[in-house]
Amino acid sequence: MNEVLLVVGMALVTFLIRYPLLELVGKISLPDRLFKALRYVPPAVLAAIIVPSVIMLKGEIVLTPANPFLVAGLISALVAWRSQNLLLTVIIGMITLLAYRAIFSL
């Protein structure tokens, strides 16, 4: 029961923090430059989450071919850039990581 109260409390706090700002934004007009700048927030957040996990191996920065996450990440980035297809990018990245690990773990 405590977990349910905790989750409900966190949801309520999150709602109370965000709702007034969303209500205010709905009533005033914001400049187009702000909306253009906000388009870059999701890629920036995604990069901030992914890049450390790709370049770090066992707590150290490893920028060599010995890092299978880096190799798979670079190949995935290339596939994403060329194909613009998210599903293909994820599949190729997973296959690359699994194959690289299988080949070089021997």
PDB file of N, CA and C in Angstrom:
ATOM      1  N   MET A   1       0.812  -1.202   0.000  1.00  0.00           N
ATOM      2  CA  MET A   1       0.000   0.000   0.000  1.00  0.00           C
ATOM      3  C   MET A   1       0.851   1.259   0.000  1.00  0.00           C
ATOM      4  N   ASN A   2       1.994   1.189   0.701  1.00  0.00           N
ATOM      5  CA  ASN A   2       2.879   2.356   0.735  1.00  0.00           C
ATOM      6  C   ASN A   2       3.402   2.709  -0.651  1.00  0.00           C
ATOM      7  N   GLU A   3       3.626   1.671  -1.480  1.00  0.00           N
ATOM      8  CA  GLU A   3       4.138   1.929  -2.826  1.00  0.00           C
ATOM      9  C   GLU A   3       3.108   2.672  -3.666  1.00  0.00           C
ATOM     10  N   VAL A   4       1.839   2.303  -3.492  1.00  0.00           N
ATOM     11  CA  VAL A   4       0.772   2.975  -4.232  1.00  0.00           C
ATOM     12  C   VAL A   4       0.689   4.440  -3.821  1.00  0.00           C
ATOM     13  N   LEU A   5       0.756   4.694  -2.539  1.00  0.00           N
ATOM     14  CA  LEU A   5       0.733   6.079  -2.062  1.00  0.00           C
ATOM     15  C   LEU A   5       1.939   6.853  -2.573  1.00  0.00           C
ATOM     16  N   LEU A   6       3.072   6.207  -2.620  1.00  0.00           N
ATOM     17  CA  LEU A   6       4.281   6.856  -3.117  1.00  0.00           C
ATOM     18  C   LEU A   6       4.136   7.233  -4.589  1.00  0.00           C
ATOM     19  N   VAL A   7       3.636   6.309  -5.400  1.00  0.00           N
ATOM     20  CA  VAL A   7       3.456   6.575  -6.825  1.00  0.00           C
ATOM     21  C   VAL A   7       2.416   7.675  -7.041  1.00  0.00           C
ATOM     22  N   VAL A   8       1.308   7.609  -6.310  1.00  0.00           N
ATOM     23  CA  VAL A   8       0.271   8.639  -6.429  1.00  0.00           C
ATOM     24  C   VAL A   8       0.828   9.993  -5.992  1.00  0.00           C
ATOM     25  N   GLY A   9       1.598  10.006  -4.931  1.00  0.00           N
ATOM     26  CA  GLY A   9       2.207  11.260  -4.472  1.00  0.00           C
ATOM     27  C   GLY A   9       3.170  11.839  -5.486  1.00  0.00           C
ATOM     28  N   MET A  10       3.994  10.985  -6.085  1.00  0.00           N
ATOM     29  CA  MET A  10       4.933  11.473  -7.102  1.00  0.00           C
ATOM     30  C   MET A  10       4.184  12.008  -8.321  1.00  0.00           C
ATOM     31  N   ALA A  11       3.123  11.311  -8.723  1.00  0.00           N
ATOM     32  CA  ALA A  11       2.332  11.779  -9.866  1.00  0.00           C
ATOM     33  C   ALA A  11       1.691  13.117  -9.550  1.00  0.00           C
ATOM     34  N   LEU A  12       1.177  13.278  -8.346  1.00  0.00           N
ATOM     35  CA  LEU A  12       0.538  14.534  -7.957  1.00  0.00           C
ATOM     36  C   LEU A  12       1.541  15.683  -7.929  1.00  0.00           C
ATOM     37  N   VAL A  13       2.696  15.448  -7.364  1.00  0.00           N
ATOM     38  CA  VAL A  13       3.736  16.493  -7.322  1.00  0.00           C
ATOM     39  C   VAL A  13       4.169  16.869  -8.732  1.00  0.00           C
ATOM     40  N   THR A  14       4.372  15.871  -9.581  1.00  0.00           N
ATOM     41  CA  THR A  14       4.769  16.145 -10.961  1.00  0.00           C
ATOM     42  C   THR A  14       3.700  16.960 -11.679  1.00  0.00           C
ATOM     43  N   PHE A  15       2.450  16.585 -11.498  1.00  0.00           N
ATOM     44  CA  PHE A  15       1.348  17.315 -12.132  1.00  0.00           C
ATOM     45  C   PHE A  15       1.289  18.750 -11.627  1.00  0.00           C
ATOM     46  N   LEU A  16       1.383  18.945 -10.312  1.00  0.00           N
ATOM     47  CA  LEU A  16       1.276  20.287  -9.744  1.00  0.00           C
ATOM     48  C   LEU A  16       2.435  21.192 -10.145  1.00  0.00           C
ATOM     49  N   ILE A  17       3.580  20.617 -10.421  1.00  0.00           N
ATOM     50  CA  ILE A  17       4.722  21.420 -10.857  1.00  0.00           C
ATOM     51  C   ILE A  17       4.565  21.831 -12.314  1.00  0.00           C
ATOM     52  N   ARG A  18       4.073  20.936 -13.156  1.00  0.00           N
ATOM     53  CA  ARG A  18       4.037  21.185 -14.598  1.00  0.00           C
ATOM     54  C   ARG A  18       2.774  21.867 -15.091  1.00  0.00           C
ATOM     55  N   TYR A  19       1.652  21.616 -14.464  1.00  0.00           N
ATOM     56  CA  TYR A  19       0.382  22.124 -14.985  1.00  0.00           C
ATOM     57  C   TYR A  19       0.319  23.646 -15.061  1.00  0.00           C
ATOM     58  N   PRO A  20       0.742  24.387 -14.033  1.00  0.00           N
ATOM     59  CA  PRO A  20       0.641  25.852 -14.140  1.00  0.00           C
ATOM     60  C   PRO A  20       1.413  26.415 -15.344  1.00  0.00           C
ATOM     61  N   LEU A  21       2.568  25.867 -15.621  1.00  0.00           N
ATOM     62  CA  LEU A  21       3.342  26.345 -16.767  1.00  0.00           C
ATOM     63  C   LEU A  21       2.639  26.014 -18.078  1.00  0.00           C
ATOM     64  N   LEU A  22       2.099  24.813 -18.187  1.00  0.00           N
ATOM     65  CA  LEU A  22       1.371  24.444 -19.398  1.00  0.00           C
ATOM     66  C   LEU A  22       0.127  25.309 -19.577  1.00  0.00           C
ATOM     67  N   GLU A  23      -0.543  25.613 -18.507  1.00  0.00           N
ATOM     68  CA  GLU A  23      -1.733  26.474 -18.563  1.00  0.00           C
ATOM     69  C   GLU A  23      -1.335  27.877 -19.003  1.00  0.00           C
ATOM     70  N   LEU A  24      -0.224  28.370 -18.510  1.00  0.00           N
ATOM     71  CA  LEU A  24       0.241  29.706 -18.874  1.00  0.00           C
ATOM     72  C   LEU A  24       0.646  29.769 -20.338  1.00  0.00           C
ATOM     73  N   VAL A  25       1.345  28.760 -20.816  1.00  0.00           N
ATOM     74  CA  VAL A  25       1.779  28.721 -22.217  1.00  0.00           C
ATOM     75  C   VAL A  25       0.574  28.677 -23.146  1.00  0.00           C
ATOM     76  N   GLY A  26      -0.507  28.047 -22.723  1.00  0.00           N
ATOM     77  CA  GLY A  26      -1.710  27.987 -23.541  1.00  0.00           C
ATOM     78  C   GLY A  26      -2.414  29.330 -23.676  1.00  0.00           C
ATOM     79  N   LYS A  27      -2.151  30.261 -22.776  1.00  0.00           N
ATOM     80  CA  LYS A  27      -2.834  31.547 -22.790  1.00  0.00           C
ATOM     81  C   LYS A  27      -2.027  32.670 -23.437  1.00  0.00           C
ATOM     82  N   ILE A  28      -0.721  32.528 -23.512  1.00  0.00           N
ATOM     83  CA  ILE A  28       0.103  33.573 -24.128  1.00  0.00           C
ATOM     84  C   ILE A  28       0.737  33.022 -25.396  1.00  0.00           C
ATOM     85  N   SER A  29       1.042  33.918 -26.286  1.00  0.00           N
ATOM     86  CA  SER A  29       1.707  33.478 -27.519  1.00  0.00           C
ATOM     87  C   SER A  29       3.215  33.617 -27.338  1.00  0.00           C
ATOM     88  N   LEU A  30       3.902  32.591 -27.748  1.00  0.00           N
ATOM     89  CA  LEU A  30       5.359  32.561 -27.623  1.00  0.00           C
ATOM     90  C   LEU A  30       5.987  32.791 -28.993  1.00  0.00           C
ATOM     91  N   PRO A  31       7.182  33.344 -29.027  1.00  0.00           N
ATOM     92  CA  PRO A  31       7.830  33.594 -30.321  1.00  0.00           C
ATOM     93  C   PRO A  31       8.171  32.297 -31.058  1.00  0.00           C
ATOM     94  N   ASP A  32       8.165  32.376 -32.367  1.00  0.00           N
ATOM     95  CA  ASP A  32       8.497  31.208 -33.185  1.00  0.00           C
ATOM     96  C   ASP A  32       9.925  30.730 -32.941  1.00  0.00           C
ATOM     97  N   ARG A  33      10.832  31.648 -32.611  1.00  0.00           N
ATOM     98  CA  ARG A  33      12.221  31.250 -32.339  1.00  0.00           C
ATOM     99  C   ARG A  33      12.300  30.278 -31.174  1.00  0.00           C
ATOM    100  N   LEU A  34      11.433  30.484 -30.176  1.00  0.00           N
ATOM    101  CA  LEU A  34      11.423  29.581 -29.025  1.00  0.00           C
ATOM    102  C   LEU A  34      10.972  28.185 -29.444  1.00  0.00           C
ATOM    103  N   PHE A  35       9.924  28.110 -30.260  1.00  0.00           N
ATOM    104  CA  PHE A  35       9.464  26.806 -30.727  1.00  0.00           C
ATOM    105  C   PHE A  35      10.506  26.124 -31.607  1.00  0.00           C
ATOM    106  N   LYS A  36      11.212  26.899 -32.420  1.00  0.00           N
ATOM    107  CA  LYS A  36      12.280  26.316 -33.242  1.00  0.00           C
ATOM    108  C   LYS A  36      13.406  25.792 -32.362  1.00  0.00           C
ATOM    109  N   ALA A  37      13.729  26.524 -31.310  1.00  0.00           N
ATOM    110  CA  ALA A  37      14.792  26.086 -30.399  1.00  0.00           C
ATOM    111  C   ALA A  37      14.363  24.840 -29.624  1.00  0.00           C
ATOM    112  N   LEU A  38      13.099  24.753 -29.252  1.00  0.00           N
ATOM    113  CA  LEU A  38      12.614  23.603 -28.490  1.00  0.00           C
ATOM    114  C   LEU A  38      12.623  22.317 -29.309  1.00  0.00           C
ATOM    115  N   ARG A  39      12.666  22.424 -30.618  1.00  0.00           N
ATOM    116  CA  ARG A  39      12.749  21.228 -31.455  1.00  0.00           C
ATOM    117  C   ARG A  39      14.052  20.469 -31.237  1.00  0.00           C
ATOM    118  N   TYR A  40      15.081  21.158 -30.738  1.00  0.00           N
ATOM    119  CA  TYR A  40      16.386  20.522 -30.525  1.00  0.00           C
ATOM    120  C   TYR A  40      16.512  19.863 -29.154  1.00  0.00           C
ATOM    121  N   VAL A  41      15.536  20.022 -28.292  1.00  0.00           N
ATOM    122  CA  VAL A  41      15.623  19.450 -26.947  1.00  0.00           C
ATOM    123  C   VAL A  41      15.621  17.917 -26.975  1.00  0.00           C
ATOM    124  N   PRO A  42      14.682  17.250 -27.663  1.00  0.00           N
ATOM    125  CA  PRO A  42      14.712  15.774 -27.646  1.00  0.00           C
ATOM    126  C   PRO A  42      16.015  15.167 -28.172  1.00  0.00           C
ATOM    127  N   PRO A  43      16.572  15.643 -29.313  1.00  0.00           N
ATOM    128  CA  PRO A  43      17.852  15.055 -29.725  1.00  0.00           C
ATOM    129  C   PRO A  43      18.984  15.314 -28.729  1.00  0.00           C
ATOM    130  N   ALA A  44      18.971  16.477 -28.100  1.00  0.00           N
ATOM    131  CA  ALA A  44      20.022  16.781 -27.127  1.00  0.00           C
ATOM    132  C   ALA A  44      19.916  15.880 -25.900  1.00  0.00           C
ATOM    133  N   VAL A  45      18.710  15.653 -25.423  1.00  0.00           N
ATOM    134  CA  VAL A  45      18.513  14.777 -24.268  1.00  0.00           C
ATOM    135  C   VAL A  45      18.870  13.337 -24.623  1.00  0.00           C
ATOM    136  N   LEU A  46      18.447  12.900 -25.799  1.00  0.00           N
ATOM    137  CA  LEU A  46      18.767  11.541 -26.237  1.00  0.00           C
ATOM    138  C   LEU A  46      20.275  11.342 -26.355  1.00  0.00           C
ATOM    139  N   ALA A  47      20.963  12.317 -26.915  1.00  0.00           N
ATOM    140  CA  ALA A  47      22.426  12.224 -27.025  1.00  0.00           C
ATOM    141  C   ALA A  47      23.082  12.197 -25.647  1.00  0.00           C
ATOM    142  N   ALA A  48      22.571  12.998 -24.721  1.00  0.00           N
ATOM    143  CA  ALA A  48      23.135  13.028 -23.370  1.00  0.00           C
ATOM    144  C   ALA A  48      22.951  11.699 -22.652  1.00  0.00           C
ATOM    145  N   ILE A  49      21.911  10.968 -22.996  1.00  0.00           N
ATOM    146  CA  ILE A  49      21.678   9.667 -22.373  1.00  0.00           C
ATOM    147  C   ILE A  49      22.507   8.578 -23.048  1.00  0.00           C
ATOM    148  N   ILE A  50      22.576   8.606 -24.377  1.00  0.00           N
ATOM    149  CA  ILE A  50      23.184   7.512 -25.124  1.00  0.00           C
ATOM    150  C   ILE A  50      24.707   7.589 -25.177  1.00  0.00           C
ATOM    151  N   VAL A  51      25.258   8.750 -25.413  1.00  0.00           N
ATOM    152  CA  VAL A  51      26.706   8.871 -25.646  1.00  0.00           C
ATOM    153  C   VAL A  51      27.538   8.322 -24.479  1.00  0.00           C
ATOM    154  N   PRO A  52      27.236   8.644 -23.224  1.00  0.00           N
ATOM    155  CA  PRO A  52      28.057   8.059 -22.153  1.00  0.00           C
ATOM    156  C   PRO A  52      28.017   6.529 -22.122  1.00  0.00           C
ATOM    157  N   SER A  53      26.850   5.950 -22.404  1.00  0.00           N
ATOM    158  CA  SER A  53      26.776   4.487 -22.378  1.00  0.00           C
ATOM    159  C   SER A  53      27.478   3.849 -23.570  1.00  0.00           C
ATOM    160  N   VAL A  54      27.652   4.606 -24.635  1.00  0.00           N
ATOM    161  CA  VAL A  54      28.340   4.077 -25.812  1.00  0.00           C
ATOM    162  C   VAL A  54      29.860   4.167 -25.655  1.00  0.00           C
ATOM    163  N   ILE A  55      30.345   5.252 -25.105  1.00  0.00           N
ATOM    164  CA  ILE A  55      31.803   5.422 -25.024  1.00  0.00           C
ATOM    165  C   ILE A  55      32.416   4.860 -23.751  1.00  0.00           C
ATOM    166  N   MET A  56      31.580   4.557 -22.741  1.00  0.00           N
ATOM    167  CA  MET A  56      32.109   4.017 -21.491  1.00  0.00           C
ATOM    168  C   MET A  56      32.056   2.492 -21.515  1.00  0.00           C
ATOM    169  N   LEU A  57      33.145   1.884 -21.126  1.00  0.00           N
ATOM    170  CA  LEU A  57      33.218   0.429 -21.028  1.00  0.00           C
ATOM    171  C   LEU A  57      33.894   0.093 -19.705  1.00  0.00           C
ATOM    172  N   LYS A  58      33.161  -0.547 -18.819  1.00  0.00           N
ATOM    173  CA  LYS A  58      33.664  -0.908 -17.485  1.00  0.00           C
ATOM    174  C   LYS A  58      34.150   0.307 -16.713  1.00  0.00           C
ATOM    175  N   GLY A  59      33.412   1.410 -16.821  1.00  0.00           N
ATOM    176  CA  GLY A  59      33.724   2.613 -16.060  1.00  0.00           C
ATOM    177  C   GLY A  59      34.810   3.495 -16.637  1.00  0.00           C
ATOM    178  N   GLU A  60      35.324   3.159 -17.800  1.00  0.00           N
ATOM    179  CA  GLU A  60      36.373   3.968 -18.441  1.00  0.00           C
ATOM    180  C   GLU A  60      35.933   4.359 -19.841  1.00  0.00           C
ATOM    181  N   ILE A  61      36.438   5.491 -20.303  1.00  0.00           N
ATOM    182  CA  ILE A  61      36.170   5.910 -21.676  1.00  0.00           C
ATOM    183  C   ILE A  61      37.070   5.097 -22.596  1.00  0.00           C
ATOM    184  N   VAL A  62      36.439   4.361 -23.499  1.00  0.00           N
ATOM    185  CA  VAL A  62      37.177   3.511 -24.436  1.00  0.00           C
ATOM    186  C   VAL A  62      36.767   3.897 -25.844  1.00  0.00           C
ATOM    187  N   LEU A  63      37.662   4.547 -26.564  1.00  0.00           N
ATOM    188  CA  LEU A  63      37.394   4.993 -27.930  1.00  0.00           C
ATOM    189  C   LEU A  63      38.191   4.189 -28.941  1.00  0.00           C
ATOM    190  N   THR A  64      38.232   2.888 -28.741  1.00  0.00           N
ATOM    191  CA  THR A  64      38.953   1.989 -29.629  1.00  0.00           C
ATOM    192  C   THR A  64      37.993   0.933 -30.175  1.00  0.00           C
ATOM    193  N   PRO A  65      38.419   0.185 -31.182  1.00  0.00           N
ATOM    194  CA  PRO A  65      37.566  -0.897 -31.689  1.00  0.00           C
ATOM    195  C   PRO A  65      37.311  -2.008 -30.668  1.00  0.00           C
ATOM    196  N   ALA A  66      37.968  -1.979 -29.532  1.00  0.00           N
ATOM    197  CA  ALA A  66      37.722  -2.964 -28.483  1.00  0.00           C
ATOM    198  C   ALA A  66      36.387  -2.722 -27.779  1.00  0.00           C
ATOM    199  N   ASN A  67      35.774  -1.581 -28.009  1.00  0.00           N
ATOM    200  CA  ASN A  67      34.488  -1.245 -27.407  1.00  0.00           C
ATOM    201  C   ASN A  67      33.369  -1.614 -28.385  1.00  0.00           C
ATOM    202  N   PRO A  68      32.666  -2.720 -28.136  1.00  0.00           N
ATOM    203  CA  PRO A  68      31.613  -3.143 -29.076  1.00  0.00           C
ATOM    204  C   PRO A  68      30.445  -2.162 -29.130  1.00  0.00           C
ATOM    205  N   PHE A  69      30.171  -1.450 -28.034  1.00  0.00           N
ATOM    206  CA  PHE A  69      29.083  -0.472 -28.029  1.00  0.00           C
ATOM    207  C   PHE A  69      29.402   0.705 -28.946  1.00  0.00           C
ATOM    208  N   LEU A  70      30.663   1.106 -28.964  1.00  0.00           N
ATOM    209  CA  LEU A  70      31.080   2.208 -29.837  1.00  0.00           C
ATOM    210  C   LEU A  70      30.967   1.803 -31.300  1.00  0.00           C
ATOM    211  N   VAL A  71      31.412   0.613 -31.621  1.00  0.00           N
ATOM    212  CA  VAL A  71      31.335   0.132 -33.008  1.00  0.00           C
ATOM    213  C   VAL A  71      29.877   0.043 -33.451  1.00  0.00           C
ATOM    214  N   ALA A  72      29.032  -0.573 -32.622  1.00  0.00           N
ATOM    215  CA  ALA A  72      27.609  -0.694 -32.964  1.00  0.00           C
ATOM    216  C   ALA A  72      26.949   0.676 -33.030  1.00  0.00           C
ATOM    217  N   GLY A  73      27.333   1.584 -32.155  1.00  0.00           N
ATOM    218  CA  GLY A  73      26.769   2.937 -32.168  1.00  0.00           C
ATOM    219  C   GLY A  73      27.142   3.702 -33.421  1.00  0.00           C
ATOM    220  N   LEU A  74      28.396   3.571 -33.841  1.00  0.00           N
ATOM    221  CA  LEU A  74      28.819   4.266 -35.066  1.00  0.00           C
ATOM    222  C   LEU A  74      28.119   3.705 -36.298  1.00  0.00           C
ATOM    223  N   ILE A  75      27.989   2.394 -36.362  1.00  0.00           N
ATOM    224  CA  ILE A  75      27.291   1.786 -37.497  1.00  0.00           C
ATOM    225  C   ILE A  75      25.814   2.165 -37.463  1.00  0.00           C
ATOM    226  N   SER A  76      25.213   2.195 -36.282  1.00  0.00           N
ATOM    227  CA  SER A  76      23.815   2.613 -36.163  1.00  0.00           C
ATOM    228  C   SER A  76      23.633   4.063 -36.589  1.00  0.00           C
ATOM    229  N   ALA A  77      24.571   4.922 -36.211  1.00  0.00           N
ATOM    230  CA  ALA A  77      24.485   6.327 -36.617  1.00  0.00           C
ATOM    231  C   ALA A  77      24.569   6.456 -38.134  1.00  0.00           C
ATOM    232  N   LEU A  78      25.432   5.671 -38.748  1.00  0.00           N
ATOM    233  CA  LEU A  78      25.555   5.698 -40.202  1.00  0.00           C
ATOM    234  C   LEU A  78      24.264   5.214 -40.873  1.00  0.00           C
ATOM    235  N   VAL A  79      23.685   4.140 -40.349  1.00  0.00           N
ATOM    236  CA  VAL A  79      22.422   3.623 -40.901  1.00  0.00           C
ATOM    237  C   VAL A  79      21.306   4.649 -40.721  1.00  0.00           C
ATOM    238  N   ALA A  80      21.241   5.264 -39.550  1.00  0.00           N
ATOM    239  CA  ALA A  80      20.205   6.272 -39.296  1.00  0.00           C
ATOM    240  C   ALA A  80      20.357   7.461 -40.240  1.00  0.00           C
ATOM    241  N   TRP A  81      21.575   7.883 -40.453  1.00  0.00           N
ATOM    242  CA  TRP A  81      21.831   9.036 -41.338  1.00  0.00           C
ATOM    243  C   TRP A  81      21.450   8.720 -42.776  1.00  0.00           C
ATOM    244  N   ARG A  82      21.792   7.527 -43.227  1.00  0.00           N
ATOM    245  CA  ARG A  82      21.530   7.177 -44.630  1.00  0.00           C
ATOM    246  C   ARG A  82      20.078   6.773 -44.883  1.00  0.00           C
ATOM    247  N   SER A  83      19.463   6.044 -43.942  1.00  0.00           N
ATOM    248  CA  SER A  83      18.134   5.484 -44.223  1.00  0.00           C
ATOM    249  C   SER A  83      16.984   6.312 -43.645  1.00  0.00           C
ATOM    250  N   GLN A  84      17.237   7.071 -42.587  1.00  0.00           N
ATOM    251  CA  GLN A  84      16.182   7.819 -41.895  1.00  0.00           C
ATOM    252  C   GLN A  84      15.072   6.881 -41.406  1.00  0.00           C
ATOM    253  N   ASN A  85      15.417   5.639 -41.082  1.00  0.00           N
ATOM    254  CA  ASN A  85      14.457   4.623 -40.669  1.00  0.00           C
ATOM    255  C   ASN A  85      14.830   4.146 -39.265  1.00  0.00           C
ATOM    256  N   LEU A  86      14.000   4.457 -38.285  1.00  0.00           N
ATOM    257  CA  LEU A  86      14.308   4.138 -36.900  1.00  0.00           C
ATOM    258  C   LEU A  86      14.354   2.633 -36.648  1.00  0.00           C
ATOM    259  N   LEU A  87      13.381   1.906 -37.162  1.00  0.00           N
ATOM    260  CA  LEU A  87      13.342   0.462 -36.940  1.00  0.00           C
ATOM    261  C   LEU A  87      14.569  -0.228 -37.542  1.00  0.00           C
ATOM    262  N   LEU A  88      14.925   0.138 -38.761  1.00  0.00           N
ATOM    263  CA  LEU A  88      16.114  -0.427 -39.399  1.00  0.00           C
ATOM    264  C   LEU A  88      17.366  -0.090 -38.597  1.00  0.00           C
ATOM    265  N   THR A  89      17.447   1.119 -38.089  1.00  0.00           N
ATOM    266  CA  THR A  89      18.605   1.535 -37.296  1.00  0.00           C
ATOM    267  C   THR A  89      18.741   0.689 -36.037  1.00  0.00           C
ATOM    268  N   VAL A  90      17.637   0.475 -35.338  1.00  0.00           N
ATOM    269  CA  VAL A  90      17.676  -0.318 -34.106  1.00  0.00           C
ATOM    270  C   VAL A  90      18.054  -1.762 -34.409  1.00  0.00           C
ATOM    271  N   ILE A  91      17.457  -2.329 -35.445  1.00  0.00           N
ATOM    272  CA  ILE A  91      17.744  -3.723 -35.790  1.00  0.00           C
ATOM    273  C   ILE A  91      19.201  -3.900 -36.202  1.00  0.00           C
ATOM    274  N   ILE A  92      19.701  -3.031 -37.067  1.00  0.00           N
ATOM    275  CA  ILE A  92      21.106  -3.125 -37.500  1.00  0.00           C
ATOM    276  C   ILE A  92      22.039  -2.917 -36.314  1.00  0.00           C
ATOM    277  N   GLY A  93      21.716  -1.991 -35.431  1.00  0.00           N
ATOM    278  CA  GLY A  93      22.553  -1.763 -34.256  1.00  0.00           C
ATOM    279  C   GLY A  93      22.619  -2.973 -33.353  1.00  0.00           C
ATOM    280  N   MET A  94      21.466  -3.605 -33.119  1.00  0.00           N
ATOM    281  CA  MET A  94      21.445  -4.805 -32.270  1.00  0.00           C
ATOM    282  C   MET A  94      22.201  -5.957 -32.920  1.00  0.00           C
ATOM    283  N   ILE A  95      21.987  -6.161 -34.211  1.00  0.00           N
ATOM    284  CA  ILE A  95      22.684  -7.239 -34.914  1.00  0.00           C
ATOM    285  C   ILE A  95      24.190  -6.989 -34.895  1.00  0.00           C
ATOM    286  N   THR A  96      24.589  -5.741 -35.122  1.00  0.00           N
ATOM    287  CA  THR A  96      26.013  -5.404 -35.106  1.00  0.00           C
ATOM    288  C   THR A  96      26.632  -5.687 -33.743  1.00  0.00           C
ATOM    289  N   LEU A  97      25.963  -5.254 -32.679  1.00  0.00           N
ATOM    290  CA  LEU A  97      26.491  -5.473 -31.334  1.00  0.00           C
ATOM    291  C   LEU A  97      26.607  -6.964 -31.021  1.00  0.00           C
ATOM    292  N   LEU A  98      25.562  -7.714 -31.313  1.00  0.00           N
ATOM    293  CA  LEU A  98      25.589  -9.152 -31.012  1.00  0.00           C
ATOM    294  C   LEU A  98      26.635  -9.882 -31.856  1.00  0.00           C
ATOM    295  N   ALA A  99      26.718  -9.546 -33.125  1.00  0.00           N
ATOM    296  CA  ALA A  99      27.710 -10.196 -33.998  1.00  0.00           C
ATOM    297  C   ALA A  99      29.132  -9.819 -33.579  1.00  0.00           C
ATOM    298  N   TYR A 100      29.351  -8.558 -33.267  1.00  0.00           N
ATOM    299  CA  TYR A 100      30.695  -8.101 -32.864  1.00  0.00           C
ATOM    300  C   TYR A 100      31.135  -8.813 -31.588  1.00  0.00           C
ATOM    301  N   ARG A 101      30.208  -8.922 -30.644  1.00  0.00           N
ATOM    302  CA  ARG A 101      30.537  -9.628 -29.397  1.00  0.00           C
ATOM    303  C   ARG A 101      30.797 -11.107 -29.655  1.00  0.00           C
ATOM    304  N   ALA A 102      29.988 -11.732 -30.511  1.00  0.00           N
ATOM    305  CA  ALA A 102      30.154 -13.161 -30.779  1.00  0.00           C
ATOM    306  C   ALA A 102      31.476 -13.439 -31.494  1.00  0.00           C
ATOM    307  N   ILE A 103      31.833 -12.588 -32.435  1.00  0.00           N
ATOM    308  CA  ILE A 103      33.052 -12.802 -33.219  1.00  0.00           C
ATOM    309  C   ILE A 103      34.297 -12.574 -32.370  1.00  0.00           C
ATOM    310  N   PHE A 104      34.314 -11.490 -31.604  1.00  0.00           N
ATOM    311  CA  PHE A 104      35.536 -11.129 -30.880  1.00  0.00           C
ATOM    312  C   PHE A 104      35.612 -11.668 -29.470  1.00  0.00           C
ATOM    313  N   SER A 105      34.619 -12.445 -29.045  1.00  0.00           N
ATOM    314  CA  SER A 105      34.730 -13.062 -27.718  1.00  0.00           C
ATOM    315  C   SER A 105      35.398 -14.422 -27.801  1.00  0.00           C
ATOM    316  N   LEU A 106      35.663 -14.895 -29.005  1.00  0.00           N
ATOM    317  CA  LEU A 106      36.280 -16.207 -29.185  1.00  0.00           C
ATOM    318  C   LEU A 106      37.724 -16.208 -28.758  1.00  0.00           C
TER     319      LEU A 106
END
